[in-house]
Amino acid sequence: QVQLVESGGGLVQHGGSLRLSCLASGFNFSSTAMSWYRQAPGKERELVASIGSFGVSTYHVDSVRGRFTISRSNTKNTVHLQMNSLKPEDTAVYYCNTGWREAGARWGQGTQVTVSS
Protein backbone atom coordinates (compact mmCIF):
# COMPACT_ATOMS: atom_id res chain seq x y z
CA GLN A 1 0.00 0.00 0.00
CA VAL A 2 1.01 3.62 -0.38
CA GLN A 3 3.28 4.83 2.39
CA LEU A 4 4.47 8.41 2.80
CA VAL A 5 6.94 9.27 5.54
CA GLU A 6 7.76 12.93 6.09
CA SER A 7 10.81 14.17 7.95
CA GLY A 8 13.01 17.22 8.40
CA GLY A 9 10.76 19.51 10.39
CA GLY A 10 11.81 21.38 13.50
CA LEU A 11 12.02 24.69 15.29
CA VAL A 12 13.68 27.53 13.38
CA GLN A 13 13.92 31.27 13.78
CA HIS A 14 12.25 33.80 11.50
CA GLY A 15 14.35 33.99 8.34
CA GLY A 16 15.82 30.53 8.76
CA SER A 17 15.74 27.51 6.49
CA LEU A 18 14.63 23.90 6.61
CA ARG A 19 14.61 21.07 4.09
CA LEU A 20 11.76 18.60 4.33
CA SER A 21 11.88 15.11 2.86
CA CYS A 22 9.19 12.59 2.00
CA LEU A 23 10.06 8.96 1.40
CA ALA A 24 7.44 7.22 -0.70
CA SER A 25 6.73 3.54 -1.28
CA GLY A 26 4.00 1.21 -2.46
CA PHE A 27 3.36 2.78 -5.86
CA ASN A 28 5.13 3.73 -9.08
CA PHE A 29 6.81 6.85 -7.74
CA SER A 30 8.62 7.86 -10.93
CA SER A 31 5.29 8.04 -12.79
CA THR A 32 3.43 10.01 -10.13
CA ALA A 33 3.21 13.73 -9.53
CA MET A 34 3.78 14.69 -5.89
CA SER A 35 2.74 17.58 -3.71
CA TRP A 36 3.41 19.15 -0.34
CA TYR A 37 0.60 20.42 1.87
CA ARG A 38 0.48 22.08 5.26
CA GLN A 39 -2.03 22.51 8.05
CA ALA A 40 -1.69 25.29 10.58
CA PRO A 41 -3.47 25.13 13.96
CA GLY A 42 -7.16 25.84 13.54
CA LYS A 43 -6.95 26.00 9.75
CA GLU A 44 -7.71 23.69 6.88
CA ARG A 45 -4.96 21.80 5.13
CA GLU A 46 -3.69 23.70 2.12
CA LEU A 47 -1.56 22.95 -0.91
CA VAL A 48 1.98 24.35 -0.82
CA ALA A 49 3.66 23.01 -3.95
CA SER A 50 3.43 20.31 -6.62
CA ILE A 51 5.94 18.65 -8.94
CA GLY A 52 5.42 16.58 -12.05
CA SER A 53 6.63 13.03 -12.39
CA PHE A 54 9.78 14.03 -14.30
CA GLY A 55 10.59 16.86 -11.93
CA VAL A 56 10.38 19.49 -14.67
CA SER A 57 6.96 21.01 -14.01
CA THR A 58 6.48 22.65 -10.63
CA TYR A 59 3.84 24.78 -8.98
CA HIS A 60 4.17 26.87 -5.80
CA VAL A 61 1.36 28.79 -4.17
CA ASP A 62 1.75 32.55 -4.08
CA SER A 63 2.50 32.71 -0.36
CA VAL A 64 5.66 30.58 -0.71
CA ARG A 65 6.78 31.33 -4.26
CA GLY A 66 10.36 32.56 -4.29
CA ARG A 67 11.01 31.15 -0.80
CA PHE A 68 10.17 27.44 -1.09
CA THR A 69 11.32 24.99 -3.77
CA ILE A 70 9.91 21.53 -4.40
CA SER A 71 12.17 18.89 -5.93
CA ARG A 72 12.35 15.12 -6.27
CA SER A 73 14.68 12.18 -6.75
CA ASN A 74 13.11 9.35 -8.69
CA THR A 75 16.09 7.12 -7.91
CA LYS A 76 15.49 7.52 -4.19
CA ASN A 77 11.66 7.72 -4.23
CA THR A 78 11.94 11.01 -2.37
CA VAL A 79 10.38 14.43 -2.71
CA HIS A 80 11.85 17.45 -0.95
CA LEU A 81 10.70 20.91 0.05
CA GLN A 82 13.48 23.45 0.56
CA MET A 83 12.12 26.26 2.69
CA ASN A 84 14.06 29.51 2.96
CA SER A 85 13.25 32.87 4.54
CA LEU A 86 10.78 31.18 6.86
CA LYS A 87 8.10 33.27 8.53
CA PRO A 88 6.01 32.60 11.66
CA GLU A 89 2.97 32.14 9.41
CA ASP A 90 4.72 29.12 7.85
CA THR A 91 4.27 27.29 11.15
CA ALA A 92 2.26 24.15 10.41
CA VAL A 93 2.37 20.40 10.06
CA TYR A 94 3.69 19.62 6.59
CA TYR A 95 2.53 16.59 4.60
CA CYS A 96 3.38 15.11 1.25
CA ASN A 97 0.91 13.30 -0.98
CA THR A 98 0.52 11.92 -4.45
CA GLY A 99 -0.97 13.92 -7.27
CA TRP A 100 -0.72 17.32 -8.96
CA ARG A 101 -2.45 19.92 -6.81
CA GLU A 102 -4.91 17.28 -5.61
CA ALA A 103 -4.19 14.69 -2.92
CA GLY A 104 -4.66 11.10 -3.97
CA ALA A 105 -3.53 8.95 -1.03
CA ARG A 106 -4.00 8.51 2.67
CA TRP A 107 -2.22 11.14 4.70
CA GLY A 108 0.94 10.29 6.58
CA GLN A 109 1.98 11.59 9.99
CA GLY A 110 3.43 14.80 8.66
CA THR A 111 6.34 16.76 10.08
CA GLN A 112 5.99 19.78 12.36
CA VAL A 113 7.57 23.06 11.32
CA THR A 114 7.63 25.85 13.90
CA VAL A 115 9.00 29.29 13.06
CA SER A 116 9.66 31.58 15.99
CA SER A 117 9.39 35.34 15.68
C-alpha atoms as a PDB file:
ATOM      1  CA  GLN A   1       0.000   0.000   0.000  1.00  0.00           C
ATOM      2  CA  VAL A   2       1.009   3.617  -0.379  1.00  0.00           C
ATOM      3  CA  GLN A   3       3.281   4.829   2.389  1.00  0.00           C
ATOM      4  CA  LEU A   4       4.466   8.412   2.796  1.00  0.00           C
ATOM      5  CA  VAL A   5       6.943   9.269   5.538  1.00  0.00           C
ATOM      6  CA  GLU A   6       7.764  12.929   6.085  1.00  0.00           C
ATOM      7  CA  SER A   7      10.814  14.175   7.952  1.00  0.00           C
ATOM      8  CA  GLY A   8      13.013  17.223   8.401  1.00  0.00           C
ATOM      9  CA  GLY A   9      10.765  19.511  10.394  1.00  0.00           C
ATOM     10  CA  GLY A  10      11.809  21.377  13.499  1.00  0.00           C
ATOM     11  CA  LEU A  11      12.020  24.693  15.287  1.00  0.00           C
ATOM     12  CA  VAL A  12      13.684  27.531  13.383  1.00  0.00           C
ATOM     13  CA  GLN A  13      13.925  31.274  13.779  1.00  0.00           C
ATOM     14  CA  HIS A  14      12.248  33.798  11.502  1.00  0.00           C
ATOM     15  CA  GLY A  15      14.354  33.988   8.343  1.00  0.00           C
ATOM     16  CA  GLY A  16      15.824  30.530   8.764  1.00  0.00           C
ATOM     17  CA  SER A  17      15.739  27.515   6.489  1.00  0.00           C
ATOM     18  CA  LEU A  18      14.632  23.898   6.614  1.00  0.00           C
ATOM     19  CA  ARG A  19      14.610  21.070   4.093  1.00  0.00           C
ATOM     20  CA  LEU A  20      11.760  18.602   4.326  1.00  0.00           C
ATOM     21  CA  SER A  21      11.882  15.109   2.857  1.00  0.00           C
ATOM     22  CA  CYS A  22       9.189  12.591   2.002  1.00  0.00           C
ATOM     23  CA  LEU A  23      10.061   8.960   1.402  1.00  0.00           C
ATOM     24  CA  ALA A  24       7.435   7.223  -0.700  1.00  0.00           C
ATOM     25  CA  SER A  25       6.729   3.543  -1.279  1.00  0.00           C
ATOM     26  CA  GLY A  26       4.000   1.206  -2.462  1.00  0.00           C
ATOM     27  CA  PHE A  27       3.364   2.776  -5.858  1.00  0.00           C
ATOM     28  CA  ASN A  28       5.135   3.730  -9.081  1.00  0.00           C
ATOM     29  CA  PHE A  29       6.814   6.854  -7.740  1.00  0.00           C
ATOM     30  CA  SER A  30       8.619   7.862 -10.926  1.00  0.00           C
ATOM     31  CA  SER A  31       5.286   8.042 -12.795  1.00  0.00           C
ATOM     32  CA  THR A  32       3.435  10.005 -10.134  1.00  0.00           C
ATOM     33  CA  ALA A  33       3.207  13.729  -9.527  1.00  0.00           C
ATOM     34  CA  MET A  34       3.776  14.689  -5.894  1.00  0.00           C
ATOM     35  CA  SER A  35       2.743  17.580  -3.705  1.00  0.00           C
ATOM     36  CA  TRP A  36       3.413  19.155  -0.343  1.00  0.00           C
ATOM     37  CA  TYR A  37       0.603  20.424   1.868  1.00  0.00           C
ATOM     38  CA  ARG A  38       0.481  22.079   5.261  1.00  0.00           C
ATOM     39  CA  GLN A  39      -2.032  22.508   8.046  1.00  0.00           C
ATOM     40  CA  ALA A  40      -1.695  25.289  10.575  1.00  0.00           C
ATOM     41  CA  PRO A  41      -3.473  25.135  13.955  1.00  0.00           C
ATOM     42  CA  GLY A  42      -7.165  25.839  13.539  1.00  0.00           C
ATOM     43  CA  LYS A  43      -6.952  26.003   9.752  1.00  0.00           C
ATOM     44  CA  GLU A  44      -7.713  23.688   6.879  1.00  0.00           C
ATOM     45  CA  ARG A  45      -4.963  21.800   5.135  1.00  0.00           C
ATOM     46  CA  GLU A  46      -3.689  23.700   2.117  1.00  0.00           C
ATOM     47  CA  LEU A  47      -1.557  22.954  -0.914  1.00  0.00           C
ATOM     48  CA  VAL A  48       1.980  24.348  -0.821  1.00  0.00           C
ATOM     49  CA  ALA A  49       3.660  23.011  -3.955  1.00  0.00           C
ATOM     50  CA  SER A  50       3.433  20.307  -6.623  1.00  0.00           C
ATOM     51  CA  ILE A  51       5.938  18.655  -8.937  1.00  0.00           C
ATOM     52  CA  GLY A  52       5.419  16.579 -12.052  1.00  0.00           C
ATOM     53  CA  SER A  53       6.634  13.029 -12.392  1.00  0.00           C
ATOM     54  CA  PHE A  54       9.779  14.027 -14.300  1.00  0.00           C
ATOM     55  CA  GLY A  55      10.593  16.864 -11.932  1.00  0.00           C
ATOM     56  CA  VAL A  56      10.377  19.488 -14.675  1.00  0.00           C
ATOM     57  CA  SER A  57       6.965  21.008 -14.005  1.00  0.00           C
ATOM     58  CA  THR A  58       6.475  22.648 -10.633  1.00  0.00           C
ATOM     59  CA  TYR A  59       3.842  24.776  -8.976  1.00  0.00           C
ATOM     60  CA  HIS A  60       4.166  26.866  -5.800  1.00  0.00           C
ATOM     61  CA  VAL A  61       1.364  28.787  -4.168  1.00  0.00           C
ATOM     62  CA  ASP A  62       1.748  32.553  -4.075  1.00  0.00           C
ATOM     63  CA  SER A  63       2.497  32.709  -0.356  1.00  0.00           C
ATOM     64  CA  VAL A  64       5.657  30.585  -0.713  1.00  0.00           C
ATOM     65  CA  ARG A  65       6.777  31.326  -4.264  1.00  0.00           C
ATOM     66  CA  GLY A  66      10.363  32.558  -4.288  1.00  0.00           C
ATOM     67  CA  ARG A  67      11.009  31.149  -0.804  1.00  0.00           C
ATOM     68  CA  PHE A  68      10.165  27.439  -1.095  1.00  0.00           C
ATOM     69  CA  THR A  69      11.317  24.987  -3.772  1.00  0.00           C
ATOM     70  CA  ILE A  70       9.914  21.534  -4.398  1.00  0.00           C
ATOM     71  CA  SER A  71      12.174  18.890  -5.930  1.00  0.00           C
ATOM     72  CA  ARG A  72      12.346  15.120  -6.267  1.00  0.00           C
ATOM     73  CA  SER A  73      14.678  12.180  -6.746  1.00  0.00           C
ATOM     74  CA  ASN A  74      13.111   9.346  -8.694  1.00  0.00           C
ATOM     75  CA  THR A  75      16.094   7.117  -7.913  1.00  0.00           C
ATOM     76  CA  LYS A  76      15.486   7.522  -4.193  1.00  0.00           C
ATOM     77  CA  ASN A  77      11.662   7.724  -4.228  1.00  0.00           C
ATOM     78  CA  THR A  78      11.937  11.008  -2.366  1.00  0.00           C
ATOM     79  CA  VAL A  79      10.384  14.429  -2.713  1.00  0.00           C
ATOM     80  CA  HIS A  80      11.851  17.449  -0.950  1.00  0.00           C
ATOM     81  CA  LEU A  81      10.702  20.907   0.055  1.00  0.00           C
ATOM     82  CA  GLN A  82      13.479  23.449   0.561  1.00  0.00           C
ATOM     83  CA  MET A  83      12.120  26.262   2.693  1.00  0.00           C
ATOM     84  CA  ASN A  84      14.061  29.512   2.956  1.00  0.00           C
ATOM     85  CA  SER A  85      13.248  32.872   4.541  1.00  0.00           C
ATOM     86  CA  LEU A  86      10.775  31.185   6.857  1.00  0.00           C
ATOM     87  CA  LYS A  87       8.100  33.271   8.528  1.00  0.00           C
ATOM     88  CA  PRO A  88       6.013  32.604  11.660  1.00  0.00           C
ATOM     89  CA  GLU A  89       2.971  32.142   9.411  1.00  0.00           C
ATOM     90  CA  ASP A  90       4.716  29.121   7.852  1.00  0.00           C
ATOM     91  CA  THR A  91       4.270  27.287  11.148  1.00  0.00           C
ATOM     92  CA  ALA A  92       2.264  24.145  10.412  1.00  0.00           C
ATOM     93  CA  VAL A  93       2.373  20.397  10.063  1.00  0.00           C
ATOM     94  CA  TYR A  94       3.685  19.622   6.586  1.00  0.00           C
ATOM     95  CA  TYR A  95       2.530  16.591   4.599  1.00  0.00           C
ATOM     96  CA  CYS A  96       3.378  15.109   1.252  1.00  0.00           C
ATOM     97  CA  ASN A  97       0.913  13.297  -0.978  1.00  0.00           C
ATOM     98  CA  THR A  98       0.523  11.916  -4.449  1.00  0.00           C
ATOM     99  CA  GLY A  99      -0.965  13.922  -7.275  1.00  0.00           C
ATOM    100  CA  TRP A 100      -0.719  17.317  -8.964  1.00  0.00           C
ATOM    101  CA  ARG A 101      -2.451  19.921  -6.810  1.00  0.00           C
ATOM    102  CA  GLU A 102      -4.912  17.278  -5.610  1.00  0.00           C
ATOM    103  CA  ALA A 103      -4.189  14.685  -2.916  1.00  0.00           C
ATOM    104  CA  GLY A 104      -4.663  11.096  -3.966  1.00  0.00           C
ATOM    105  CA  ALA A 105      -3.533   8.954  -1.034  1.00  0.00           C
ATOM    106  CA  ARG A 106      -4.004   8.508   2.668  1.00  0.00           C
ATOM    107  CA  TRP A 107      -2.216  11.143   4.697  1.00  0.00           C
ATOM    108  CA  GLY A 108       0.940  10.291   6.584  1.00  0.00           C
ATOM    109  CA  GLN A 109       1.977  11.587   9.992  1.00  0.00           C
ATOM    110  CA  GLY A 110       3.433  14.802   8.663  1.00  0.00           C
ATOM    111  CA  THR A 111       6.343  16.758  10.075  1.00  0.00           C
ATOM    112  CA  GLN A 112       5.986  19.779  12.356  1.00  0.00           C
ATOM    113  CA  VAL A 113       7.573  23.061  11.325  1.00  0.00           C
ATOM    114  CA  THR A 114       7.629  25.847  13.905  1.00  0.00           C
ATOM    115  CA  VAL A 115       9.000  29.287  13.064  1.00  0.00           C
ATOM    116  CA  SER A 116       9.655  31.582  15.995  1.00  0.00           C
ATOM    117  CA  SER A 117       9.389  35.345  15.682  1.00  0.00           C
END
